[in-house]
Amino acid sequence: MLERAVTALKADPKAALKQFNDEKNKQFRDRDLFVFCFSLPDGNFTAFQSPVMLGTDVRELKYQDEPIGQNAYDAVATAPEGDFVSIEYNFPKPGTKTPATKQSLEARVGNEACGVTYFK
């Protein structure tokens, strides 16, 4: 899914972000998997499953005391363009309160950082 997102972003960034934010677009959304993006260097979300998050700074996202958003930003902000990077963190699965290991796979295209997260 992330490879498709990177290809779309390279072809037409504006159209790609619109597709990523389209809740009916099954190419970039599958159950609890979805493409998210944030701009660099400001860190504001440009694509997310929930439109409420658009414009929010990724670096502000925390779960308990874990700086999930800052870690996601740091991992991709300095990575070479097109390289895939990943981070792991703990987060509850939908409908539960017990943290489980989640992985975020991310890539940078120009001034956009995009990723997909999934439970391991």
PDB file of N, CA and C in Angstrom:
ATOM      1  N   MET A   1       0.830  -1.194   0.000  1.00  0.00           N
ATOM      2  CA  MET A   1       0.000   0.000   0.000  1.00  0.00           C
ATOM      3  C   MET A   1       0.874   1.257   0.000  1.00  0.00           C
ATOM      4  N   LEU A   2       1.953   1.219   0.787  1.00  0.00           N
ATOM      5  CA  LEU A   2       2.831   2.386   0.824  1.00  0.00           C
ATOM      6  C   LEU A   2       3.550   2.577  -0.501  1.00  0.00           C
ATOM      7  N   GLU A   3       3.938   1.508  -1.149  1.00  0.00           N
ATOM      8  CA  GLU A   3       4.576   1.634  -2.463  1.00  0.00           C
ATOM      9  C   GLU A   3       3.635   2.289  -3.465  1.00  0.00           C
ATOM     10  N   ARG A   4       2.345   1.916  -3.448  1.00  0.00           N
ATOM     11  CA  ARG A   4       1.359   2.558  -4.328  1.00  0.00           C
ATOM     12  C   ARG A   4       1.229   4.041  -3.991  1.00  0.00           C
ATOM     13  N   ALA A   5       1.249   4.350  -2.706  1.00  0.00           N
ATOM     14  CA  ALA A   5       1.126   5.742  -2.274  1.00  0.00           C
ATOM     15  C   ALA A   5       2.318   6.572  -2.745  1.00  0.00           C
ATOM     16  N   VAL A   6       3.515   6.025  -2.625  1.00  0.00           N
ATOM     17  CA  VAL A   6       4.717   6.742  -3.070  1.00  0.00           C
ATOM     18  C   VAL A   6       4.658   6.986  -4.571  1.00  0.00           C
ATOM     19  N   THR A   7       4.242   5.983  -5.328  1.00  0.00           N
ATOM     20  CA  THR A   7       4.119   6.123  -6.782  1.00  0.00           C
ATOM     21  C   THR A   7       3.108   7.220  -7.125  1.00  0.00           C
ATOM     22  N   ALA A   8       1.959   7.208  -6.448  1.00  0.00           N
ATOM     23  CA  ALA A   8       0.926   8.222  -6.696  1.00  0.00           C
ATOM     24  C   ALA A   8       1.428   9.615  -6.321  1.00  0.00           C
ATOM     25  N   LEU A   9       2.136   9.713  -5.221  1.00  0.00           N
ATOM     26  CA  LEU A   9       2.647  11.003  -4.755  1.00  0.00           C
ATOM     27  C   LEU A   9       3.684  11.569  -5.724  1.00  0.00           C
ATOM     28  N   LYS A  10       4.519  10.712  -6.267  1.00  0.00           N
ATOM     29  CA  LYS A  10       5.516  11.169  -7.239  1.00  0.00           C
ATOM     30  C   LYS A  10       4.858  11.647  -8.530  1.00  0.00           C
ATOM     31  N   ALA A  11       3.772  10.988  -8.931  1.00  0.00           N
ATOM     32  CA  ALA A  11       3.090  11.332 -10.186  1.00  0.00           C
ATOM     33  C   ALA A  11       2.325  12.648 -10.087  1.00  0.00           C
ATOM     34  N   ASP A  12       1.590  12.839  -8.972  1.00  0.00           N
ATOM     35  CA  ASP A  12       0.756  14.040  -8.811  1.00  0.00           C
ATOM     36  C   ASP A  12       0.436  14.213  -7.327  1.00  0.00           C
ATOM     37  N   PRO A  13       1.245  14.966  -6.605  1.00  0.00           N
ATOM     38  CA  PRO A  13       1.071  15.089  -5.160  1.00  0.00           C
ATOM     39  C   PRO A  13      -0.323  15.556  -4.722  1.00  0.00           C
ATOM     40  N   LYS A  14      -0.864  16.546  -5.391  1.00  0.00           N
ATOM     41  CA  LYS A  14      -2.174  17.081  -4.999  1.00  0.00           C
ATOM     42  C   LYS A  14      -3.264  16.021  -5.169  1.00  0.00           C
ATOM     43  N   ALA A  15      -3.265  15.340  -6.300  1.00  0.00           N
ATOM     44  CA  ALA A  15      -4.256  14.289  -6.550  1.00  0.00           C
ATOM     45  C   ALA A  15      -4.068  13.119  -5.586  1.00  0.00           C
ATOM     46  N   ALA A  16      -2.812  12.778  -5.296  1.00  0.00           N
ATOM     47  CA  ALA A  16      -2.531  11.665  -4.386  1.00  0.00           C
ATOM     48  C   ALA A  16      -3.091  11.950  -2.991  1.00  0.00           C
ATOM     49  N   LEU A  17      -2.840  13.138  -2.460  1.00  0.00           N
ATOM     50  CA  LEU A  17      -3.341  13.481  -1.129  1.00  0.00           C
ATOM     51  C   LEU A  17      -4.867  13.436  -1.094  1.00  0.00           C
ATOM     52  N   LYS A  18      -5.495  13.869  -2.167  1.00  0.00           N
ATOM     53  CA  LYS A  18      -6.952  13.808  -2.246  1.00  0.00           C
ATOM     54  C   LYS A  18      -7.414  12.348  -2.191  1.00  0.00           C
ATOM     55  N   GLN A  19      -6.732  11.461  -2.907  1.00  0.00           N
ATOM     56  CA  GLN A  19      -7.076  10.038  -2.895  1.00  0.00           C
ATOM     57  C   GLN A  19      -6.861   9.434  -1.508  1.00  0.00           C
ATOM     58  N   PHE A  20      -5.759   9.791  -0.843  1.00  0.00           N
ATOM     59  CA  PHE A  20      -5.478   9.245   0.481  1.00  0.00           C
ATOM     60  C   PHE A  20      -6.548   9.643   1.487  1.00  0.00           C
ATOM     61  N   ASN A  21      -7.120  10.836   1.328  1.00  0.00           N
ATOM     62  CA  ASN A  21      -8.141  11.329   2.248  1.00  0.00           C
ATOM     63  C   ASN A  21      -9.558  10.877   1.887  1.00  0.00           C
ATOM     64  N   ASP A  22      -9.724  10.226   0.747  1.00  0.00           N
ATOM     65  CA  ASP A  22     -11.036   9.762   0.300  1.00  0.00           C
ATOM     66  C   ASP A  22     -11.383   8.449   1.006  1.00  0.00           C
ATOM     67  N   GLU A  23     -12.360   8.502   1.905  1.00  0.00           N
ATOM     68  CA  GLU A  23     -12.716   7.316   2.700  1.00  0.00           C
ATOM     69  C   GLU A  23     -13.230   6.157   1.853  1.00  0.00           C
ATOM     70  N   LYS A  24     -13.622   6.415   0.625  1.00  0.00           N
ATOM     71  CA  LYS A  24     -14.133   5.350  -0.248  1.00  0.00           C
ATOM     72  C   LYS A  24     -13.049   4.748  -1.142  1.00  0.00           C
ATOM     73  N   ASN A  25     -11.846   5.291  -1.095  1.00  0.00           N
ATOM     74  CA  ASN A  25     -10.765   4.820  -1.955  1.00  0.00           C
ATOM     75  C   ASN A  25     -10.114   3.581  -1.335  1.00  0.00           C
ATOM     76  N   LYS A  26     -10.466   2.413  -1.819  1.00  0.00           N
ATOM     77  CA  LYS A  26      -9.980   1.145  -1.283  1.00  0.00           C
ATOM     78  C   LYS A  26      -8.527   0.868  -1.650  1.00  0.00           C
ATOM     79  N   GLN A  27      -7.966   1.617  -2.581  1.00  0.00           N
ATOM     80  CA  GLN A  27      -6.574   1.440  -2.954  1.00  0.00           C
ATOM     81  C   GLN A  27      -5.641   1.901  -1.822  1.00  0.00           C
ATOM     82  N   PHE A  28      -6.114   2.867  -1.030  1.00  0.00           N
ATOM     83  CA  PHE A  28      -5.292   3.428   0.037  1.00  0.00           C
ATOM     84  C   PHE A  28      -5.919   3.277   1.417  1.00  0.00           C
ATOM     85  N   ARG A  29      -6.990   2.479   1.494  1.00  0.00           N
ATOM     86  CA  ARG A  29      -7.637   2.177   2.778  1.00  0.00           C
ATOM     87  C   ARG A  29      -8.158   0.752   2.734  1.00  0.00           C
ATOM     88  N   ASP A  30      -7.792  -0.010   3.742  1.00  0.00           N
ATOM     89  CA  ASP A  30      -8.246  -1.394   3.823  1.00  0.00           C
ATOM     90  C   ASP A  30      -8.425  -1.739   5.293  1.00  0.00           C
ATOM     91  N   ARG A  31      -9.659  -1.800   5.740  1.00  0.00           N
ATOM     92  CA  ARG A  31     -10.003  -2.034   7.142  1.00  0.00           C
ATOM     93  C   ARG A  31      -9.290  -1.022   8.035  1.00  0.00           C
ATOM     94  N   ASP A  32      -8.364  -1.464   8.900  1.00  0.00           N
ATOM     95  CA  ASP A  32      -7.681  -0.510   9.784  1.00  0.00           C
ATOM     96  C   ASP A  32      -6.353  -0.015   9.203  1.00  0.00           C
ATOM     97  N   LEU A  33      -6.060  -0.372   7.947  1.00  0.00           N
ATOM     98  CA  LEU A  33      -4.865   0.136   7.276  1.00  0.00           C
ATOM     99  C   LEU A  33      -5.241   1.353   6.430  1.00  0.00           C
ATOM    100  N   PHE A  34      -4.400   2.375   6.490  1.00  0.00           N
ATOM    101  CA  PHE A  34      -4.637   3.572   5.686  1.00  0.00           C
ATOM    102  C   PHE A  34      -3.331   4.322   5.530  1.00  0.00           C
ATOM    103  N   VAL A  35      -3.249   5.119   4.482  1.00  0.00           N
ATOM    104  CA  VAL A  35      -2.079   5.961   4.250  1.00  0.00           C
ATOM    105  C   VAL A  35      -2.267   7.267   5.018  1.00  0.00           C
ATOM    106  N   PHE A  36      -1.223   7.663   5.738  1.00  0.00           N
ATOM    107  CA  PHE A  36      -1.209   8.986   6.367  1.00  0.00           C
ATOM    108  C   PHE A  36      -0.007   9.738   5.817  1.00  0.00           C
ATOM    109  N   CYS A  37      -0.107  11.056   5.775  1.00  0.00           N
ATOM    110  CA  CYS A  37       1.007  11.888   5.325  1.00  0.00           C
ATOM    111  C   CYS A  37       1.092  13.128   6.194  1.00  0.00           C
ATOM    112  N   PHE A  38       2.301  13.631   6.331  1.00  0.00           N
ATOM    113  CA  PHE A  38       2.511  14.928   6.961  1.00  0.00           C
ATOM    114  C   PHE A  38       3.583  15.667   6.186  1.00  0.00           C
ATOM    115  N   SER A  39       3.488  16.981   6.208  1.00  0.00           N
ATOM    116  CA  SER A  39       4.434  17.804   5.444  1.00  0.00           C
ATOM    117  C   SER A  39       5.697  18.045   6.266  1.00  0.00           C
ATOM    118  N   LEU A  40       6.758  18.246   5.532  1.00  0.00           N
ATOM    119  CA  LEU A  40       8.044  18.567   6.157  1.00  0.00           C
ATOM    120  C   LEU A  40       8.433  19.970   5.733  1.00  0.00           C
ATOM    121  N   PRO A  41       8.935  20.818   6.558  1.00  0.00           N
ATOM    122  CA  PRO A  41       9.362  20.509   7.915  1.00  0.00           C
ATOM    123  C   PRO A  41       8.326  20.779   8.990  1.00  0.00           C
ATOM    124  N   ASP A  42       7.128  21.280   8.655  1.00  0.00           N
ATOM    125  CA  ASP A  42       6.196  21.685   9.720  1.00  0.00           C
ATOM    126  C   ASP A  42       5.516  20.531  10.448  1.00  0.00           C
ATOM    127  N   GLY A  43       5.470  19.337   9.861  1.00  0.00           N
ATOM    128  CA  GLY A  43       4.916  18.171  10.541  1.00  0.00           C
ATOM    129  C   GLY A  43       3.405  18.070  10.548  1.00  0.00           C
ATOM    130  N   ASN A  44       2.703  18.961   9.862  1.00  0.00           N
ATOM    131  CA  ASN A  44       1.239  18.936   9.876  1.00  0.00           C
ATOM    132  C   ASN A  44       0.688  17.844   8.961  1.00  0.00           C
ATOM    133  N   PHE A  45      -0.297  17.103   9.486  1.00  0.00           N
ATOM    134  CA  PHE A  45      -0.924  16.049   8.694  1.00  0.00           C
ATOM    135  C   PHE A  45      -1.602  16.635   7.465  1.00  0.00           C
ATOM    136  N   THR A  46      -1.355  16.019   6.312  1.00  0.00           N
ATOM    137  CA  THR A  46      -2.002  16.389   5.053  1.00  0.00           C
ATOM    138  C   THR A  46      -2.921  15.263   4.576  1.00  0.00           C
ATOM    139  N   ALA A  47      -2.763  14.077   5.162  1.00  0.00           N
ATOM    140  CA  ALA A  47      -3.650  12.948   4.872  1.00  0.00           C
ATOM    141  C   ALA A  47      -3.749  12.091   6.127  1.00  0.00           C
ATOM    142  N   PHE A  48      -4.979  11.673   6.432  1.00  0.00           N
ATOM    143  CA  PHE A  48      -5.210  10.823   7.603  1.00  0.00           C
ATOM    144  C   PHE A  48      -6.583  10.197   7.465  1.00  0.00           C
ATOM    145  N   GLN A  49      -6.777   9.080   8.139  1.00  0.00           N
ATOM    146  CA  GLN A  49      -8.064   8.384   8.081  1.00  0.00           C
ATOM    147  C   GLN A  49      -9.198   9.273   8.582  1.00  0.00           C
ATOM    148  N   SER A  50      -8.934  10.051   9.602  1.00  0.00           N
ATOM    149  CA  SER A  50      -9.935  10.955  10.163  1.00  0.00           C
ATOM    150  C   SER A  50      -9.612  12.389   9.767  1.00  0.00           C
ATOM    151  N   PRO A  51     -10.554  13.087   9.138  1.00  0.00           N
ATOM    152  CA  PRO A  51     -10.288  14.472   8.739  1.00  0.00           C
ATOM    153  C   PRO A  51     -10.019  15.403   9.926  1.00  0.00           C
ATOM    154  N   VAL A  52     -10.408  14.992  11.121  1.00  0.00           N
ATOM    155  CA  VAL A  52     -10.174  15.797  12.319  1.00  0.00           C
ATOM    156  C   VAL A  52      -8.678  16.010  12.553  1.00  0.00           C
ATOM    157  N   MET A  53      -7.862  15.065  12.106  1.00  0.00           N
ATOM    158  CA  MET A  53      -6.417  15.137  12.335  1.00  0.00           C
ATOM    159  C   MET A  53      -5.689  16.037  11.333  1.00  0.00           C
ATOM    160  N   LEU A  54      -6.321  16.370  10.227  1.00  0.00           N
ATOM    161  CA  LEU A  54      -5.661  17.191   9.203  1.00  0.00           C
ATOM    162  C   LEU A  54      -5.233  18.533   9.796  1.00  0.00           C
ATOM    163  N   GLY A  55      -3.991  18.913   9.560  1.00  0.00           N
ATOM    164  CA  GLY A  55      -3.452  20.161  10.093  1.00  0.00           C
ATOM    165  C   GLY A  55      -2.814  20.018  11.466  1.00  0.00           C
ATOM    166  N   THR A  56      -3.016  18.873  12.130  1.00  0.00           N
ATOM    167  CA  THR A  56      -2.405  18.613  13.432  1.00  0.00           C
ATOM    168  C   THR A  56      -0.940  18.248  13.230  1.00  0.00           C
ATOM    169  N   ASP A  57      -0.083  18.693  14.102  1.00  0.00           N
ATOM    170  CA  ASP A  57       1.343  18.387  14.033  1.00  0.00           C
ATOM    171  C   ASP A  57       1.579  16.960  14.527  1.00  0.00           C
ATOM    172  N   VAL A  58       2.131  16.114  13.673  1.00  0.00           N
ATOM    173  CA  VAL A  58       2.398  14.717  14.006  1.00  0.00           C
ATOM    174  C   VAL A  58       3.236  14.609  15.279  1.00  0.00           C
ATOM    175  N   ARG A  59       4.126  15.556  15.506  1.00  0.00           N
ATOM    176  CA  ARG A  59       5.034  15.495  16.653  1.00  0.00           C
ATOM    177  C   ARG A  59       4.312  15.625  17.986  1.00  0.00           C
ATOM    178  N   GLU A  60       3.046  16.030  17.962  1.00  0.00           N
ATOM    179  CA  GLU A  60       2.266  16.153  19.195  1.00  0.00           C
ATOM    180  C   GLU A  60       1.637  14.834  19.633  1.00  0.00           C
ATOM    181  N   LEU A  61       1.649  13.820  18.773  1.00  0.00           N
ATOM    182  CA  LEU A  61       0.996  12.551  19.090  1.00  0.00           C
ATOM    183  C   LEU A  61       1.806  11.738  20.089  1.00  0.00           C
ATOM    184  N   LYS A  62       1.133  11.369  21.180  1.00  0.00           N
ATOM    185  CA  LYS A  62       1.756  10.564  22.225  1.00  0.00           C
ATOM    186  C   LYS A  62       0.756   9.512  22.685  1.00  0.00           C
ATOM    187  N   TYR A  63       1.289   8.388  23.120  1.00  0.00           N
ATOM    188  CA  TYR A  63       0.465   7.382  23.798  1.00  0.00           C
ATOM    189  C   TYR A  63       1.142   7.126  25.124  1.00  0.00           C
ATOM    190  N   GLN A  64       0.416   7.381  26.204  1.00  0.00           N
ATOM    191  CA  GLN A  64       0.986   7.382  27.539  1.00  0.00           C
ATOM    192  C   GLN A  64       2.170   8.340  27.507  1.00  0.00           C
ATOM    193  N   ASP A  65       3.372   7.919  27.783  1.00  0.00           N
ATOM    194  CA  ASP A  65       4.514   8.839  27.750  1.00  0.00           C
ATOM    195  C   ASP A  65       5.378   8.647  26.516  1.00  0.00           C
ATOM    196  N   GLU A  66       4.938   7.800  25.585  1.00  0.00           N
ATOM    197  CA  GLU A  66       5.728   7.500  24.399  1.00  0.00           C
ATOM    198  C   GLU A  66       5.486   8.552  23.305  1.00  0.00           C
ATOM    199  N   PRO A  67       6.537   9.239  22.836  1.00  0.00           N
ATOM    200  CA  PRO A  67       6.389  10.278  21.812  1.00  0.00           C
ATOM    201  C   PRO A  67       6.291   9.670  20.401  1.00  0.00           C
ATOM    202  N   ILE A  68       5.202   9.002  20.115  1.00  0.00           N
ATOM    203  CA  ILE A  68       5.021   8.283  18.851  1.00  0.00           C
ATOM    204  C   ILE A  68       5.208   9.212  17.653  1.00  0.00           C
ATOM    205  N   GLY A  69       4.556  10.346  17.685  1.00  0.00           N
ATOM    206  CA  GLY A  69       4.622  11.278  16.561  1.00  0.00           C
ATOM    207  C   GLY A  69       6.012  11.848  16.341  1.00  0.00           C
ATOM    208  N   GLN A  70       6.699  12.207  17.418  1.00  0.00           N
ATOM    209  CA  GLN A  70       8.060  12.740  17.284  1.00  0.00           C
ATOM    210  C   GLN A  70       8.977  11.672  16.709  1.00  0.00           C
ATOM    211  N   ASN A  71       8.824  10.427  17.163  1.00  0.00           N
ATOM    212  CA  ASN A  71       9.641   9.331  16.642  1.00  0.00           C
ATOM    213  C   ASN A  71       9.372   9.104  15.157  1.00  0.00           C
ATOM    214  N   ALA A  72       8.102   9.171  14.757  1.00  0.00           N
ATOM    215  CA  ALA A  72       7.746   8.995  13.343  1.00  0.00           C
ATOM    216  C   ALA A  72       8.348  10.119  12.503  1.00  0.00           C
ATOM    217  N   TYR A  73       8.268  11.326  13.000  1.00  0.00           N
ATOM    218  CA  TYR A  73       8.828  12.482  12.294  1.00  0.00           C
ATOM    219  C   TYR A  73      10.344  12.335  12.151  1.00  0.00           C
ATOM    220  N   ASP A  74      11.010  12.036  13.257  1.00  0.00           N
ATOM    221  CA  ASP A  74      12.470  11.935  13.248  1.00  0.00           C
ATOM    222  C   ASP A  74      12.969  10.836  12.307  1.00  0.00           C
ATOM    223  N   ALA A  75      12.262   9.721  12.264  1.00  0.00           N
ATOM    224  CA  ALA A  75      12.703   8.587  11.447  1.00  0.00           C
ATOM    225  C   ALA A  75      12.723   8.922   9.965  1.00  0.00           C
ATOM    226  N   VAL A  76      11.743   9.674   9.502  1.00  0.00           N
ATOM    227  CA  VAL A  76      11.614   9.920   8.068  1.00  0.00           C
ATOM    228  C   VAL A  76      12.179  11.275   7.631  1.00  0.00           C
ATOM    229  N   ALA A  77      12.245  12.234   8.522  1.00  0.00           N
ATOM    230  CA  ALA A  77      12.668  13.594   8.144  1.00  0.00           C
ATOM    231  C   ALA A  77      14.086  13.644   7.597  1.00  0.00           C
ATOM    232  N   THR A  78      14.959  12.800   8.096  1.00  0.00           N
ATOM    233  CA  THR A  78      16.351  12.823   7.646  1.00  0.00           C
ATOM    234  C   THR A  78      16.691  11.649   6.728  1.00  0.00           C
ATOM    235  N   ALA A  79      15.720  10.807   6.453  1.00  0.00           N
ATOM    236  CA  ALA A  79      15.961   9.658   5.574  1.00  0.00           C
ATOM    237  C   ALA A  79      16.085  10.132   4.129  1.00  0.00           C
ATOM    238  N   PRO A  80      16.895   9.443   3.331  1.00  0.00           N
ATOM    239  CA  PRO A  80      16.979   9.789   1.912  1.00  0.00           C
ATOM    240  C   PRO A  80      15.606   9.633   1.240  1.00  0.00           C
ATOM    241  N   GLU A  81      15.308  10.521   0.330  1.00  0.00           N
ATOM    242  CA  GLU A  81      14.020  10.473  -0.361  1.00  0.00           C
ATOM    243  C   GLU A  81      13.824   9.107  -1.018  1.00  0.00           C
ATOM    244  N   GLY A  82      12.645   8.524  -0.791  1.00  0.00           N
ATOM    245  CA  GLY A  82      12.290   7.241  -1.386  1.00  0.00           C
ATOM    246  C   GLY A  82      12.673   6.034  -0.553  1.00  0.00           C
ATOM    247  N   ASP A  83      13.567   6.202   0.434  1.00  0.00           N
ATOM    248  CA  ASP A  83      13.913   5.085   1.315  1.00  0.00           C
ATOM    249  C   ASP A  83      12.760   4.807   2.275  1.00  0.00           C
ATOM    250  N   PHE A  84      12.561   3.541   2.590  1.00  0.00           N
ATOM    251  CA  PHE A  84      11.544   3.151   3.548  1.00  0.00           C
ATOM    252  C   PHE A  84      12.197   3.003   4.916  1.00  0.00           C
ATOM    253  N   VAL A  85      11.588   3.612   5.924  1.00  0.00           N
ATOM    254  CA  VAL A  85      12.062   3.517   7.303  1.00  0.00           C
ATOM    255  C   VAL A  85      10.916   3.021   8.162  1.00  0.00           C
ATOM    256  N   SER A  86      11.225   2.488   9.333  1.00  0.00           N
ATOM    257  CA  SER A  86      10.149   2.014  10.199  1.00  0.00           C
ATOM    258  C   SER A  86      10.448   2.310  11.657  1.00  0.00           C
ATOM    259  N   ILE A  87       9.382   2.409  12.418  1.00  0.00           N
ATOM    260  CA  ILE A  87       9.474   2.523  13.871  1.00  0.00           C
ATOM    261  C   ILE A  87       8.462   1.557  14.459  1.00  0.00           C
ATOM    262  N   GLU A  88       8.688   1.148  15.691  1.00  0.00           N
ATOM    263  CA  GLU A  88       7.732   0.332  16.430  1.00  0.00           C
ATOM    264  C   GLU A  88       7.328   1.092  17.678  1.00  0.00           C
ATOM    265  N   TYR A  89       6.092   0.879  18.091  1.00  0.00           N
ATOM    266  CA  TYR A  89       5.596   1.500  19.311  1.00  0.00           C
ATOM    267  C   TYR A  89       4.430   0.670  19.826  1.00  0.00           C
ATOM    268  N   ASN A  90       3.994   0.971  21.031  1.00  0.00           N
ATOM    269  CA  ASN A  90       2.863   0.269  21.624  1.00  0.00           C
ATOM    270  C   ASN A  90       1.620   1.130  21.525  1.00  0.00           C
ATOM    271  N   PHE A  91       0.516   0.474  21.172  1.00  0.00           N
ATOM    272  CA  PHE A  91      -0.756   1.166  21.016  1.00  0.00           C
ATOM    273  C   PHE A  91      -1.863   0.119  21.110  1.00  0.00           C
ATOM    274  N   PRO A  92      -3.003   0.428  21.739  1.00  0.00           N
ATOM    275  CA  PRO A  92      -4.069  -0.579  21.846  1.00  0.00           C
ATOM    276  C   PRO A  92      -4.733  -0.870  20.502  1.00  0.00           C
ATOM    277  N   LYS A  93      -5.040  -2.145  20.283  1.00  0.00           N
ATOM    278  CA  LYS A  93      -5.810  -2.516  19.096  1.00  0.00           C
ATOM    279  C   LYS A  93      -7.220  -1.964  19.251  1.00  0.00           C
ATOM    280  N   PRO A  94      -7.913  -1.716  18.124  1.00  0.00           N
ATOM    281  CA  PRO A  94      -9.284  -1.193  18.215  1.00  0.00           C
ATOM    282  C   PRO A  94     -10.153  -2.072  19.113  1.00  0.00           C
ATOM    283  N   GLY A  95     -10.885  -1.440  20.016  1.00  0.00           N
ATOM    284  CA  GLY A  95     -11.792  -2.143  20.906  1.00  0.00           C
ATOM    285  C   GLY A  95     -11.129  -2.722  22.144  1.00  0.00           C
ATOM    286  N   THR A  96      -9.826  -2.444  22.336  1.00  0.00           N
ATOM    287  CA  THR A  96      -9.130  -2.947  23.523  1.00  0.00           C
ATOM    288  C   THR A  96      -8.426  -1.800  24.232  1.00  0.00           C
ATOM    289  N   LYS A  97      -7.945  -2.091  25.427  1.00  0.00           N
ATOM    290  CA  LYS A  97      -7.176  -1.103  26.181  1.00  0.00           C
ATOM    291  C   LYS A  97      -5.752  -1.571  26.420  1.00  0.00           C
ATOM    292  N   THR A  98      -5.466  -2.819  26.045  1.00  0.00           N
ATOM    293  CA  THR A  98      -4.137  -3.382  26.244  1.00  0.00           C
ATOM    294  C   THR A  98      -3.228  -3.015  25.081  1.00  0.00           C
ATOM    295  N   PRO A  99      -2.089  -2.397  25.375  1.00  0.00           N
ATOM    296  CA  PRO A  99      -1.161  -2.031  24.286  1.00  0.00           C
ATOM    297  C   PRO A  99      -0.619  -3.261  23.557  1.00  0.00           C
ATOM    298  N   ALA A 100      -0.471  -3.122  22.251  1.00  0.00           N
ATOM    299  CA  ALA A 100       0.108  -4.160  21.399  1.00  0.00           C
ATOM    300  C   ALA A 100       1.167  -3.488  20.526  1.00  0.00           C
ATOM    301  N   THR A 101       2.097  -4.279  20.013  1.00  0.00           N
ATOM    302  CA  THR A 101       3.156  -3.725  19.175  1.00  0.00           C
ATOM    303  C   THR A 101       2.601  -3.338  17.806  1.00  0.00           C
ATOM    304  N   LYS A 102       2.879  -2.123  17.432  1.00  0.00           N
ATOM    305  CA  LYS A 102       2.450  -1.592  16.148  1.00  0.00           C
ATOM    306  C   LYS A 102       3.687  -1.102  15.415  1.00  0.00           C
ATOM    307  N   GLN A 103       3.701  -1.256  14.103  1.00  0.00           N
ATOM    308  CA  GLN A 103       4.826  -0.796  13.297  1.00  0.00           C
ATOM    309  C   GLN A 103       4.340   0.240  12.302  1.00  0.00           C
ATOM    310  N   SER A 104       5.164   1.250  12.098  1.00  0.00           N
ATOM    311  CA  SER A 104       4.884   2.290  11.117  1.00  0.00           C
ATOM    312  C   SER A 104       5.972   2.222  10.059  1.00  0.00           C
ATOM    313  N   LEU A 105       5.575   2.051   8.818  1.00  0.00           N
ATOM    314  CA  LEU A 105       6.484   2.048   7.681  1.00  0.00           C
ATOM    315  C   LEU A 105       6.270   3.365   6.952  1.00  0.00           C
ATOM    316  N   GLU A 106       7.359   4.116   6.719  1.00  0.00           N
ATOM    317  CA  GLU A 106       7.249   5.468   6.176  1.00  0.00           C
ATOM    318  C   GLU A 106       8.258   5.715   5.062  1.00  0.00           C
ATOM    319  N   ALA A 107       7.926   6.678   4.214  1.00  0.00           N
ATOM    320  CA  ALA A 107       8.837   7.110   3.154  1.00  0.00           C
ATOM    321  C   ALA A 107       8.618   8.601   2.915  1.00  0.00           C
ATOM    322  N   ARG A 108       9.668   9.261   2.431  1.00  0.00           N
ATOM    323  CA  ARG A 108       9.585  10.698   2.129  1.00  0.00           C
ATOM    324  C   ARG A 108       9.645  10.888   0.624  1.00  0.00           C
ATOM    325  N   VAL A 109       8.732  11.739   0.115  1.00  0.00           N
ATOM    326  CA  VAL A 109       8.722  12.135  -1.288  1.00  0.00           C
ATOM    327  C   VAL A 109       8.648  13.658  -1.297  1.00  0.00           C
ATOM    328  N   GLY A 110       9.734  14.300  -1.653  1.00  0.00           N
ATOM    329  CA  GLY A 110       9.755  15.760  -1.621  1.00  0.00           C
ATOM    330  C   GLY A 110       9.552  16.253  -0.203  1.00  0.00           C
ATOM    331  N   ASN A 111       8.574  17.134  -0.020  1.00  0.00           N
ATOM    332  CA  ASN A 111       8.308  17.651   1.318  1.00  0.00           C
ATOM    333  C   ASN A 111       7.126  16.947   1.988  1.00  0.00           C
ATOM    334  N   GLU A 112       6.783  15.753   1.520  1.00  0.00           N
ATOM    335  CA  GLU A 112       5.737  14.945   2.149  1.00  0.00           C
ATOM    336  C   GLU A 112       6.353  13.663   2.716  1.00  0.00           C
ATOM    337  N   ALA A 113       5.956  13.317   3.909  1.00  0.00           N
ATOM    338  CA  ALA A 113       6.311  12.036   4.522  1.00  0.00           C
ATOM    339  C   ALA A 113       5.020  11.258   4.646  1.00  0.00           C
ATOM    340  N   CYS A 114       4.996  10.050   4.108  1.00  0.00           N
ATOM    341  CA  CYS A 114       3.789   9.238   4.153  1.00  0.00           C
ATOM    342  C   CYS A 114       4.100   7.885   4.766  1.00  0.00           C
ATOM    343  N   GLY A 115       3.096   7.275   5.342  1.00  0.00           N
ATOM    344  CA  GLY A 115       3.300   5.979   5.976  1.00  0.00           C
ATOM    345  C   GLY A 115       2.025   5.181   6.097  1.00  0.00           C
ATOM    346  N   VAL A 116       2.215   3.948   6.553  1.00  0.00           N
ATOM    347  CA  VAL A 116       1.137   3.021   6.853  1.00  0.00           C
ATOM    348  C   VAL A 116       1.522   2.348   8.164  1.00  0.00           C
ATOM    349  N   THR A 117       0.572   2.212   9.074  1.00  0.00           N
ATOM    350  CA  THR A 117       0.847   1.536  10.346  1.00  0.00           C
ATOM    351  C   THR A 117       0.032   0.254  10.418  1.00  0.00           C
ATOM    352  N   TYR A 118       0.567  -0.727  11.119  1.00  0.00           N
ATOM    353  CA  TYR A 118      -0.137  -2.008  11.269  1.00  0.00           C
ATOM    354  C   TYR A 118       0.328  -2.681  12.555  1.00  0.00           C
ATOM    355  N   PHE A 119      -0.544  -3.515  13.109  1.00  0.00           N
ATOM    356  CA  PHE A 119      -0.206  -4.280  14.295  1.00  0.00           C
ATOM    357  C   PHE A 119       0.589  -5.502  13.894  1.00  0.00           C
ATOM    358  N   LYS A 120       1.601  -5.805  14.671  1.00  0.00           N
ATOM    359  CA  LYS A 120       2.449  -6.966  14.388  1.00  0.00           C
ATOM    360  C   LYS A 120       1.830  -8.227  14.965  1.00  0.00           C
TER     361      LYS A 120
END
